[in-house]
């Protein structure tokens, strides 16, 4: 996945302004069954809007979150927390779950 996104990064033709909050709302809908089954949650707020490939951003976040739900300790309900930070040159995202 990293290579696919890295290669897409050099092609701005499909880039658009992507609100990461909206991406995560869509992911919550896509993963609704997994979240209910695991008693899981996805928590986020005030994530940035950035110029990116919307479908690839959705794919990256959804794969990370889905794996966090799937590969957790079974006795722990997953609470996936996503935060973002902007620097002068980059956006950094942190995705964390309880241990």
PDB file of N, CA and C in Angstrom:
ATOM      1  N   UNK A   1       0.831  -1.190   0.000  1.00  0.00           N
ATOM      2  CA  UNK A   1       0.000   0.000   0.000  1.00  0.00           C
ATOM      3  C   UNK A   1       0.869   1.244   0.000  1.00  0.00           C
ATOM      4  N   UNK A   2       1.913   1.250   0.798  1.00  0.00           N
ATOM      5  CA  UNK A   2       2.776   2.427   0.892  1.00  0.00           C
ATOM      6  C   UNK A   2       3.324   2.803  -0.468  1.00  0.00           C
ATOM      7  N   UNK A   3       3.772   1.814  -1.227  1.00  0.00           N
ATOM      8  CA  UNK A   3       4.322   2.098  -2.542  1.00  0.00           C
ATOM      9  C   UNK A   3       3.264   2.645  -3.478  1.00  0.00           C
ATOM     10  N   UNK A   4       2.066   2.103  -3.404  1.00  0.00           N
ATOM     11  CA  UNK A   4       0.983   2.583  -4.259  1.00  0.00           C
ATOM     12  C   UNK A   4       0.669   4.041  -3.949  1.00  0.00           C
ATOM     13  N   UNK A   5       0.582   4.379  -2.666  1.00  0.00           N
ATOM     14  CA  UNK A   5       0.295   5.758  -2.311  1.00  0.00           C
ATOM     15  C   UNK A   5       1.472   6.665  -2.648  1.00  0.00           C
ATOM     16  N   UNK A   6       2.681   6.202  -2.439  1.00  0.00           N
ATOM     17  CA  UNK A   6       3.866   7.002  -2.760  1.00  0.00           C
ATOM     18  C   UNK A   6       3.921   7.295  -4.251  1.00  0.00           C
ATOM     19  N   UNK A   7       3.581   6.322  -5.074  1.00  0.00           N
ATOM     20  CA  UNK A   7       3.585   6.541  -6.516  1.00  0.00           C
ATOM     21  C   UNK A   7       2.492   7.524  -6.909  1.00  0.00           C
ATOM     22  N   UNK A   8       1.347   7.449  -6.258  1.00  0.00           N
ATOM     23  CA  UNK A   8       0.245   8.362  -6.558  1.00  0.00           C
ATOM     24  C   UNK A   8       0.574   9.781  -6.132  1.00  0.00           C
ATOM     25  N   UNK A   9       1.436   9.911  -5.141  1.00  0.00           N
ATOM     26  CA  UNK A   9       1.808  11.224  -4.634  1.00  0.00           C
ATOM     27  C   UNK A   9       2.457  12.079  -5.709  1.00  0.00           C
ATOM     28  N   UNK A  10       3.128  11.460  -6.670  1.00  0.00           N
ATOM     29  CA  UNK A  10       3.798  12.219  -7.720  1.00  0.00           C
ATOM     30  C   UNK A  10       2.835  12.626  -8.824  1.00  0.00           C
ATOM     31  N   UNK A  11       1.616  12.128  -8.808  1.00  0.00           N
ATOM     32  CA  UNK A  11       0.616  12.439  -9.822  1.00  0.00           C
ATOM     33  C   UNK A  11      -0.484  13.287  -9.192  1.00  0.00           C
ATOM     34  N   UNK A  12      -0.442  14.585  -9.453  1.00  0.00           N
ATOM     35  CA  UNK A  12      -1.426  15.500  -8.868  1.00  0.00           C
ATOM     36  C   UNK A  12      -2.730  15.567  -9.645  1.00  0.00           C
ATOM     37  N   UNK A  13      -2.851  14.845 -10.748  1.00  0.00           N
ATOM     38  CA  UNK A  13      -4.032  14.984 -11.594  1.00  0.00           C
ATOM     39  C   UNK A  13      -5.326  14.562 -10.899  1.00  0.00           C
ATOM     40  N   UNK A  14      -5.267  13.636  -9.961  1.00  0.00           N
ATOM     41  CA  UNK A  14      -6.470  13.195  -9.250  1.00  0.00           C
ATOM     42  C   UNK A  14      -6.559  13.741  -7.834  1.00  0.00           C
ATOM     43  N   UNK A  15      -5.663  14.635  -7.468  1.00  0.00           N
ATOM     44  CA  UNK A  15      -5.686  15.208  -6.129  1.00  0.00           C
ATOM     45  C   UNK A  15      -6.846  16.175  -5.993  1.00  0.00           C
ATOM     46  N   UNK A  16      -7.390  16.205  -4.786  1.00  0.00           N
ATOM     47  CA  UNK A  16      -8.478  17.132  -4.473  1.00  0.00           C
ATOM     48  C   UNK A  16      -8.390  17.459  -2.994  1.00  0.00           C
ATOM     49  N   UNK A  17      -9.150  18.441  -2.566  1.00  0.00           N
ATOM     50  CA  UNK A  17      -9.201  18.741  -1.137  1.00  0.00           C
ATOM     51  C   UNK A  17     -10.006  17.646  -0.458  1.00  0.00           C
ATOM     52  N   UNK A  18      -9.380  16.988   0.514  1.00  0.00           N
ATOM     53  CA  UNK A  18      -9.993  15.857   1.204  1.00  0.00           C
ATOM     54  C   UNK A  18     -10.121  16.204   2.680  1.00  0.00           C
ATOM     55  N   UNK A  19     -11.350  16.213   3.167  1.00  0.00           N
ATOM     56  CA  UNK A  19     -11.621  16.432   4.585  1.00  0.00           C
ATOM     57  C   UNK A  19     -11.496  15.080   5.288  1.00  0.00           C
ATOM     58  N   UNK A  20     -10.469  14.918   6.072  1.00  0.00           N
ATOM     59  CA  UNK A  20     -10.216  13.633   6.734  1.00  0.00           C
ATOM     60  C   UNK A  20     -11.322  13.273   7.717  1.00  0.00           C
ATOM     61  N   UNK A  21     -12.018  14.259   8.275  1.00  0.00           N
ATOM     62  CA  UNK A  21     -13.161  13.986   9.150  1.00  0.00           C
ATOM     63  C   UNK A  21     -14.263  13.272   8.371  1.00  0.00           C
ATOM     64  N   UNK A  22     -14.509  13.711   7.134  1.00  0.00           N
ATOM     65  CA  UNK A  22     -15.534  13.083   6.296  1.00  0.00           C
ATOM     66  C   UNK A  22     -15.113  11.675   5.883  1.00  0.00           C
ATOM     67  N   UNK A  23     -13.837  11.489   5.611  1.00  0.00           N
ATOM     68  CA  UNK A  23     -13.317  10.158   5.279  1.00  0.00           C
ATOM     69  C   UNK A  23     -13.585   9.195   6.444  1.00  0.00           C
ATOM     70  N   UNK A  24     -13.308   9.636   7.661  1.00  0.00           N
ATOM     71  CA  UNK A  24     -13.486   8.754   8.816  1.00  0.00           C
ATOM     72  C   UNK A  24     -14.959   8.502   9.127  1.00  0.00           C
ATOM     73  N   UNK A  25     -15.822   9.449   8.841  1.00  0.00           N
ATOM     74  CA  UNK A  25     -17.265   9.199   9.002  1.00  0.00           C
ATOM     75  C   UNK A  25     -17.709   8.098   8.042  1.00  0.00           C
ATOM     76  N   UNK A  26     -17.201   8.139   6.825  1.00  0.00           N
ATOM     77  CA  UNK A  26     -17.529   7.109   5.841  1.00  0.00           C
ATOM     78  C   UNK A  26     -16.981   5.751   6.271  1.00  0.00           C
ATOM     79  N   UNK A  27     -15.779   5.729   6.819  1.00  0.00           N
ATOM     80  CA  UNK A  27     -15.182   4.481   7.295  1.00  0.00           C
ATOM     81  C   UNK A  27     -16.010   3.898   8.442  1.00  0.00           C
ATOM     82  N   UNK A  28     -16.509   4.751   9.325  1.00  0.00           N
ATOM     83  CA  UNK A  28     -17.370   4.256  10.420  1.00  0.00           C
ATOM     84  C   UNK A  28     -18.596   3.536   9.848  1.00  0.00           C
ATOM     85  N   UNK A  29     -19.146   4.071   8.773  1.00  0.00           N
ATOM     86  CA  UNK A  29     -20.278   3.400   8.120  1.00  0.00           C
ATOM     87  C   UNK A  29     -19.838   2.091   7.473  1.00  0.00           C
ATOM     88  N   UNK A  30     -18.703   2.125   6.786  1.00  0.00           N
ATOM     89  CA  UNK A  30     -18.197   0.918   6.112  1.00  0.00           C
ATOM     90  C   UNK A  30     -17.888  -0.202   7.095  1.00  0.00           C
ATOM     91  N   UNK A  31     -17.413   0.148   8.273  1.00  0.00           N
ATOM     92  CA  UNK A  31     -17.004  -0.852   9.273  1.00  0.00           C
ATOM     93  C   UNK A  31     -18.041  -1.036  10.378  1.00  0.00           C
ATOM     94  N   UNK A  32     -19.251  -0.585  10.134  1.00  0.00           N
ATOM     95  CA  UNK A  32     -20.301  -0.622  11.152  1.00  0.00           C
ATOM     96  C   UNK A  32     -20.482  -2.023  11.748  1.00  0.00           C
ATOM     97  N   UNK A  33     -20.500  -3.053  10.921  1.00  0.00           N
ATOM     98  CA  UNK A  33     -20.692  -4.417  11.420  1.00  0.00           C
ATOM     99  C   UNK A  33     -19.531  -4.831  12.318  1.00  0.00           C
ATOM    100  N   UNK A  34     -18.289  -4.596  11.878  1.00  0.00           N
ATOM    101  CA  UNK A  34     -17.118  -4.962  12.684  1.00  0.00           C
ATOM    102  C   UNK A  34     -17.108  -4.203  14.013  1.00  0.00           C
ATOM    103  N   UNK A  35     -17.507  -2.942  13.977  1.00  0.00           N
ATOM    104  CA  UNK A  35     -17.527  -2.144  15.206  1.00  0.00           C
ATOM    105  C   UNK A  35     -18.580  -2.666  16.176  1.00  0.00           C
ATOM    106  N   UNK A  36     -19.758  -2.994  15.681  1.00  0.00           N
ATOM    107  CA  UNK A  36     -20.805  -3.539  16.552  1.00  0.00           C
ATOM    108  C   UNK A  36     -20.392  -4.877  17.126  1.00  0.00           C
ATOM    109  N   UNK A  37     -19.862  -5.734  16.282  1.00  0.00           N
ATOM    110  CA  UNK A  37     -19.472  -7.077  16.707  1.00  0.00           C
ATOM    111  C   UNK A  37     -18.380  -7.053  17.775  1.00  0.00           C
ATOM    112  N   UNK A  38     -17.480  -6.101  17.691  1.00  0.00           N
ATOM    113  CA  UNK A  38     -16.351  -6.026  18.630  1.00  0.00           C
ATOM    114  C   UNK A  38     -16.599  -5.027  19.756  1.00  0.00           C
ATOM    115  N   UNK A  39     -17.762  -4.365  19.732  1.00  0.00           N
ATOM    116  CA  UNK A  39     -18.061  -3.282  20.670  1.00  0.00           C
ATOM    117  C   UNK A  39     -16.994  -2.190  20.568  1.00  0.00           C
ATOM    118  N   UNK A  40     -16.583  -1.918  19.336  1.00  0.00           N
ATOM    119  CA  UNK A  40     -15.503  -0.966  19.081  1.00  0.00           C
ATOM    120  C   UNK A  40     -15.977   0.440  18.807  1.00  0.00           C
ATOM    121  N   UNK A  41     -15.024   1.341  18.847  1.00  0.00           N
ATOM    122  CA  UNK A  41     -15.276   2.754  18.574  1.00  0.00           C
ATOM    123  C   UNK A  41     -14.136   3.321  17.736  1.00  0.00           C
ATOM    124  N   UNK A  42     -14.473   4.314  16.943  1.00  0.00           N
ATOM    125  CA  UNK A  42     -13.468   5.110  16.236  1.00  0.00           C
ATOM    126  C   UNK A  42     -13.654   6.540  16.717  1.00  0.00           C
ATOM    127  N   UNK A  43     -12.615   7.102  17.311  1.00  0.00           N
ATOM    128  CA  UNK A  43     -12.678   8.454  17.867  1.00  0.00           C
ATOM    129  C   UNK A  43     -11.734   9.378  17.095  1.00  0.00           C
ATOM    130  N   UNK A  44     -12.250  10.540  16.727  1.00  0.00           N
ATOM    131  CA  UNK A  44     -11.445  11.535  16.022  1.00  0.00           C
ATOM    132  C   UNK A  44     -12.158  12.877  16.100  1.00  0.00           C
ATOM    133  N   UNK A  45     -11.409  13.930  15.921  1.00  0.00           N
ATOM    134  CA  UNK A  45     -11.999  15.263  15.812  1.00  0.00           C
ATOM    135  C   UNK A  45     -10.945  16.226  15.285  1.00  0.00           C
ATOM    136  N   UNK A  46     -11.419  17.230  14.610  1.00  0.00           N
ATOM    137  CA  UNK A  46     -10.572  18.315  14.103  1.00  0.00           C
ATOM    138  C   UNK A  46      -9.391  17.836  13.269  1.00  0.00           C
ATOM    139  N   UNK A  47      -9.644  16.868  12.394  1.00  0.00           N
ATOM    140  CA  UNK A  47      -8.596  16.430  11.483  1.00  0.00           C
ATOM    141  C   UNK A  47      -8.516  17.410  10.312  1.00  0.00           C
ATOM    142  N   UNK A  48      -7.387  17.461   9.648  1.00  0.00           N
ATOM    143  CA  UNK A  48      -7.203  18.472   8.600  1.00  0.00           C
ATOM    144  C   UNK A  48      -7.908  18.121   7.295  1.00  0.00           C
ATOM    145  N   UNK A  49      -8.079  19.137   6.485  1.00  0.00           N
ATOM    146  CA  UNK A  49      -8.429  18.965   5.083  1.00  0.00           C
ATOM    147  C   UNK A  49      -7.128  19.164   4.322  1.00  0.00           C
ATOM    148  N   UNK A  50      -6.827  18.218   3.446  1.00  0.00           N
ATOM    149  CA  UNK A  50      -5.561  18.306   2.727  1.00  0.00           C
ATOM    150  C   UNK A  50      -5.742  17.912   1.272  1.00  0.00           C
ATOM    151  N   UNK A  51      -4.788  18.283   0.461  1.00  0.00           N
ATOM    152  CA  UNK A  51      -4.832  17.931  -0.955  1.00  0.00           C
ATOM    153  C   UNK A  51      -4.253  16.526  -1.096  1.00  0.00           C
ATOM    154  N   UNK A  52      -5.112  15.595  -1.570  1.00  0.00           N
ATOM    155  CA  UNK A  52      -4.701  14.191  -1.648  1.00  0.00           C
ATOM    156  C   UNK A  52      -5.622  13.460  -2.611  1.00  0.00           C
ATOM    157  N   UNK A  53      -5.357  12.178  -2.774  1.00  0.00           N
ATOM    158  CA  UNK A  53      -6.221  11.286  -3.540  1.00  0.00           C
ATOM    159  C   UNK A  53      -7.237  10.706  -2.563  1.00  0.00           C
ATOM    160  N   UNK A  54      -8.475  11.090  -2.712  1.00  0.00           N
ATOM    161  CA  UNK A  54      -9.512  10.709  -1.752  1.00  0.00           C
ATOM    162  C   UNK A  54      -9.627   9.193  -1.595  1.00  0.00           C
ATOM    163  N   UNK A  55      -9.666   8.466  -2.688  1.00  0.00           N
ATOM    164  CA  UNK A  55      -9.848   7.012  -2.604  1.00  0.00           C
ATOM    165  C   UNK A  55      -8.664   6.341  -1.916  1.00  0.00           C
ATOM    166  N   UNK A  56      -7.466   6.849  -2.128  1.00  0.00           N
ATOM    167  CA  UNK A  56      -6.300   6.255  -1.478  1.00  0.00           C
ATOM    168  C   UNK A  56      -6.259   6.591   0.009  1.00  0.00           C
ATOM    169  N   UNK A  57      -6.650   7.796   0.369  1.00  0.00           N
ATOM    170  CA  UNK A  57      -6.721   8.158   1.793  1.00  0.00           C
ATOM    171  C   UNK A  57      -7.742   7.267   2.500  1.00  0.00           C
ATOM    172  N   UNK A  58      -8.874   7.053   1.864  1.00  0.00           N
ATOM    173  CA  UNK A  58      -9.896   6.180   2.433  1.00  0.00           C
ATOM    174  C   UNK A  58      -9.338   4.774   2.609  1.00  0.00           C
ATOM    175  N   UNK A  59      -8.638   4.272   1.610  1.00  0.00           N
ATOM    176  CA  UNK A  59      -8.085   2.925   1.663  1.00  0.00           C
ATOM    177  C   UNK A  59      -7.050   2.789   2.778  1.00  0.00           C
ATOM    178  N   UNK A  60      -6.165   3.758   2.908  1.00  0.00           N
ATOM    179  CA  UNK A  60      -5.119   3.696   3.935  1.00  0.00           C
ATOM    180  C   UNK A  60      -5.736   3.687   5.329  1.00  0.00           C
ATOM    181  N   UNK A  61      -6.609   4.661   5.602  1.00  0.00           N
ATOM    182  CA  UNK A  61      -7.231   4.737   6.926  1.00  0.00           C
ATOM    183  C   UNK A  61      -8.080   3.494   7.211  1.00  0.00           C
ATOM    184  N   UNK A  62      -8.881   3.068   6.235  1.00  0.00           N
ATOM    185  CA  UNK A  62      -9.769   1.932   6.483  1.00  0.00           C
ATOM    186  C   UNK A  62      -8.965   0.661   6.744  1.00  0.00           C
ATOM    187  N   UNK A  63      -7.893   0.443   6.020  1.00  0.00           N
ATOM    188  CA  UNK A  63      -7.075  -0.750   6.260  1.00  0.00           C
ATOM    189  C   UNK A  63      -6.442  -0.719   7.643  1.00  0.00           C
ATOM    190  N   UNK A  64      -5.914   0.417   8.052  1.00  0.00           N
ATOM    191  CA  UNK A  64      -5.304   0.529   9.382  1.00  0.00           C
ATOM    192  C   UNK A  64      -6.331   0.284  10.487  1.00  0.00           C
ATOM    193  N   UNK A  65      -7.492   0.894  10.347  1.00  0.00           N
ATOM    194  CA  UNK A  65      -8.526   0.762  11.373  1.00  0.00           C
ATOM    195  C   UNK A  65      -9.088  -0.658  11.393  1.00  0.00           C
ATOM    196  N   UNK A  66      -9.336  -1.220  10.231  1.00  0.00           N
ATOM    197  CA  UNK A  66      -9.854  -2.578  10.150  1.00  0.00           C
ATOM    198  C   UNK A  66      -8.870  -3.565  10.779  1.00  0.00           C
ATOM    199  N   UNK A  67      -7.585  -3.383  10.526  1.00  0.00           N
ATOM    200  CA  UNK A  67      -6.576  -4.260  11.140  1.00  0.00           C
ATOM    201  C   UNK A  67      -6.523  -4.078  12.654  1.00  0.00           C
ATOM    202  N   UNK A  68      -6.690  -2.860  13.113  1.00  0.00           N
ATOM    203  CA  UNK A  68      -6.691  -2.613  14.560  1.00  0.00           C
ATOM    204  C   UNK A  68      -7.851  -3.347  15.235  1.00  0.00           C
ATOM    205  N   UNK A  69      -8.986  -3.389  14.563  1.00  0.00           N
ATOM    206  CA  UNK A  69     -10.146  -4.099  15.106  1.00  0.00           C
ATOM    207  C   UNK A  69      -9.931  -5.611  15.026  1.00  0.00           C
ATOM    208  N   UNK A  70      -9.440  -6.068  13.908  1.00  0.00           N
ATOM    209  CA  UNK A  70      -9.288  -7.502  13.651  1.00  0.00           C
ATOM    210  C   UNK A  70      -8.197  -8.143  14.511  1.00  0.00           C
ATOM    211  N   UNK A  71      -7.065  -7.472  14.680  1.00  0.00           N
ATOM    212  CA  UNK A  71      -5.910  -8.076  15.335  1.00  0.00           C
ATOM    213  C   UNK A  71      -5.699  -7.549  16.753  1.00  0.00           C
ATOM    214  N   UNK A  72      -6.764  -7.426  17.494  1.00  0.00           N
ATOM    215  CA  UNK A  72      -6.702  -6.947  18.864  1.00  0.00           C
ATOM    216  C   UNK A  72      -6.768  -8.128  19.818  1.00  0.00           C
ATOM    217  N   UNK A  73      -6.507  -7.861  21.081  1.00  0.00           N
ATOM    218  CA  UNK A  73      -6.764  -8.864  22.104  1.00  0.00           C
ATOM    219  C   UNK A  73      -8.282  -8.998  22.211  1.00  0.00           C
ATOM    220  N   UNK A  74      -8.769 -10.196  22.144  1.00  0.00           N
ATOM    221  CA  UNK A  74     -10.222 -10.430  22.078  1.00  0.00           C
ATOM    222  C   UNK A  74     -10.971  -9.930  23.302  1.00  0.00           C
ATOM    223  N   UNK A  75     -10.303  -9.860  24.450  1.00  0.00           N
ATOM    224  CA  UNK A  75     -10.986  -9.406  25.670  1.00  0.00           C
ATOM    225  C   UNK A  75     -11.076  -7.881  25.755  1.00  0.00           C
ATOM    226  N   UNK A  76     -10.476  -7.182  24.814  1.00  0.00           N
ATOM    227  CA  UNK A  76     -10.482  -5.715  24.833  1.00  0.00           C
ATOM    228  C   UNK A  76     -11.308  -5.189  23.669  1.00  0.00           C
ATOM    229  N   UNK A  77     -12.285  -4.346  23.983  1.00  0.00           N
ATOM    230  CA  UNK A  77     -13.042  -3.677  22.927  1.00  0.00           C
ATOM    231  C   UNK A  77     -12.150  -2.599  22.310  1.00  0.00           C
ATOM    232  N   UNK A  78     -12.001  -2.619  20.990  1.00  0.00           N
ATOM    233  CA  UNK A  78     -11.085  -1.667  20.375  1.00  0.00           C
ATOM    234  C   UNK A  78     -11.630  -0.242  20.375  1.00  0.00           C
ATOM    235  N   UNK A  79     -10.811   0.667  20.820  1.00  0.00           N
ATOM    236  CA  UNK A  79     -11.103   2.093  20.726  1.00  0.00           C
ATOM    237  C   UNK A  79      -9.960   2.669  19.892  1.00  0.00           C
ATOM    238  N   UNK A  80     -10.251   2.947  18.644  1.00  0.00           N
ATOM    239  CA  UNK A  80      -9.252   3.446  17.718  1.00  0.00           C
ATOM    240  C   UNK A  80      -9.311   4.971  17.745  1.00  0.00           C
ATOM    241  N   UNK A  81      -8.206   5.591  18.138  1.00  0.00           N
ATOM    242  CA  UNK A  81      -8.135   7.048  18.228  1.00  0.00           C
ATOM    243  C   UNK A  81      -7.244   7.572  17.112  1.00  0.00           C
ATOM    244  N   UNK A  82      -7.776   8.548  16.369  1.00  0.00           N
ATOM    245  CA  UNK A  82      -7.021   9.148  15.271  1.00  0.00           C
ATOM    246  C   UNK A  82      -6.868  10.629  15.554  1.00  0.00           C
ATOM    247  N   UNK A  83      -5.636  11.078  15.485  1.00  0.00           N
ATOM    248  CA  UNK A  83      -5.362  12.505  15.629  1.00  0.00           C
ATOM    249  C   UNK A  83      -4.444  12.930  14.493  1.00  0.00           C
ATOM    250  N   UNK A  84      -4.402  14.209  14.232  1.00  0.00           N
ATOM    251  CA  UNK A  84      -3.564  14.723  13.157  1.00  0.00           C
ATOM    252  C   UNK A  84      -2.841  15.977  13.594  1.00  0.00           C
ATOM    253  N   UNK A  85      -1.695  16.176  12.994  1.00  0.00           N
ATOM    254  CA  UNK A  85      -0.893  17.359  13.295  1.00  0.00           C
ATOM    255  C   UNK A  85      -0.306  17.884  11.989  1.00  0.00           C
ATOM    256  N   UNK A  86      -0.348  19.178  11.831  1.00  0.00           N
ATOM    257  CA  UNK A  86       0.210  19.796  10.639  1.00  0.00           C
ATOM    258  C   UNK A  86       1.501  20.519  11.006  1.00  0.00           C
ATOM    259  N   UNK A  87       2.524  20.310  10.193  1.00  0.00           N
ATOM    260  CA  UNK A  87       3.764  21.081  10.313  1.00  0.00           C
ATOM    261  C   UNK A  87       3.860  21.964   9.074  1.00  0.00           C
ATOM    262  N   UNK A  88       4.944  22.668   8.950  1.00  0.00           N
ATOM    263  CA  UNK A  88       5.116  23.529   7.772  1.00  0.00           C
ATOM    264  C   UNK A  88       5.136  22.741   6.468  1.00  0.00           C
ATOM    265  N   UNK A  89       5.581  21.504   6.512  1.00  0.00           N
ATOM    266  CA  UNK A  89       5.760  20.741   5.283  1.00  0.00           C
ATOM    267  C   UNK A  89       4.891  19.494   5.167  1.00  0.00           C
ATOM    268  N   UNK A  90       4.375  18.963   6.292  1.00  0.00           N
ATOM    269  CA  UNK A  90       3.704  17.669   6.257  1.00  0.00           C
ATOM    270  C   UNK A  90       2.499  17.631   7.191  1.00  0.00           C
ATOM    271  N   UNK A  91       1.695  16.612   6.982  1.00  0.00           N
ATOM    272  CA  UNK A  91       0.646  16.251   7.926  1.00  0.00           C
ATOM    273  C   UNK A  91       1.056  14.928   8.554  1.00  0.00           C
ATOM    274  N   UNK A  92       0.906  14.819   9.855  1.00  0.00           N
ATOM    275  CA  UNK A  92       1.196  13.585  10.572  1.00  0.00           C
ATOM    276  C   UNK A  92      -0.091  13.088  11.207  1.00  0.00           C
ATOM    277  N   UNK A  93      -0.332  11.803  11.068  1.00  0.00           N
ATOM    278  CA  UNK A  93      -1.493  11.186  11.684  1.00  0.00           C
ATOM    279  C   UNK A  93      -1.019  10.152  12.680  1.00  0.00           C
ATOM    280  N   UNK A  94      -1.725  10.091  13.793  1.00  0.00           N
ATOM    281  CA  UNK A  94      -1.423   9.090  14.822  1.00  0.00           C
ATOM    282  C   UNK A  94      -2.690   8.255  15.007  1.00  0.00           C
ATOM    283  N   UNK A  95      -2.525   6.949  14.906  1.00  0.00           N
ATOM    284  CA  UNK A  95      -3.630   6.024  15.105  1.00  0.00           C
ATOM    285  C   UNK A  95      -3.226   5.124  16.262  1.00  0.00           C
ATOM    286  N   UNK A  96      -4.017   5.134  17.345  1.00  0.00           N
ATOM    287  CA  UNK A  96      -3.668   4.364  18.521  1.00  0.00           C
ATOM    288  C   UNK A  96      -4.865   3.559  19.015  1.00  0.00           C
ATOM    289  N   UNK A  97      -4.541   2.455  19.689  1.00  0.00           N
ATOM    290  CA  UNK A  97      -5.552   1.602  20.304  1.00  0.00           C
ATOM    291  C   UNK A  97      -5.061   1.212  21.696  1.00  0.00           C
ATOM    292  N   UNK A  98      -5.980   0.832  22.593  1.00  0.00           N
ATOM    293  CA  UNK A  98      -5.528   0.384  23.928  1.00  0.00           C
ATOM    294  C   UNK A  98      -4.776  -0.932  23.815  1.00  0.00           C
ATOM    295  N   UNK A  99      -3.878  -1.146  24.765  1.00  0.00           N
ATOM    296  CA  UNK A  99      -3.081  -2.389  24.761  1.00  0.00           C
ATOM    297  C   UNK A  99      -3.692  -3.409  25.694  1.00  0.00           C
TER     298      UNK A  99
END
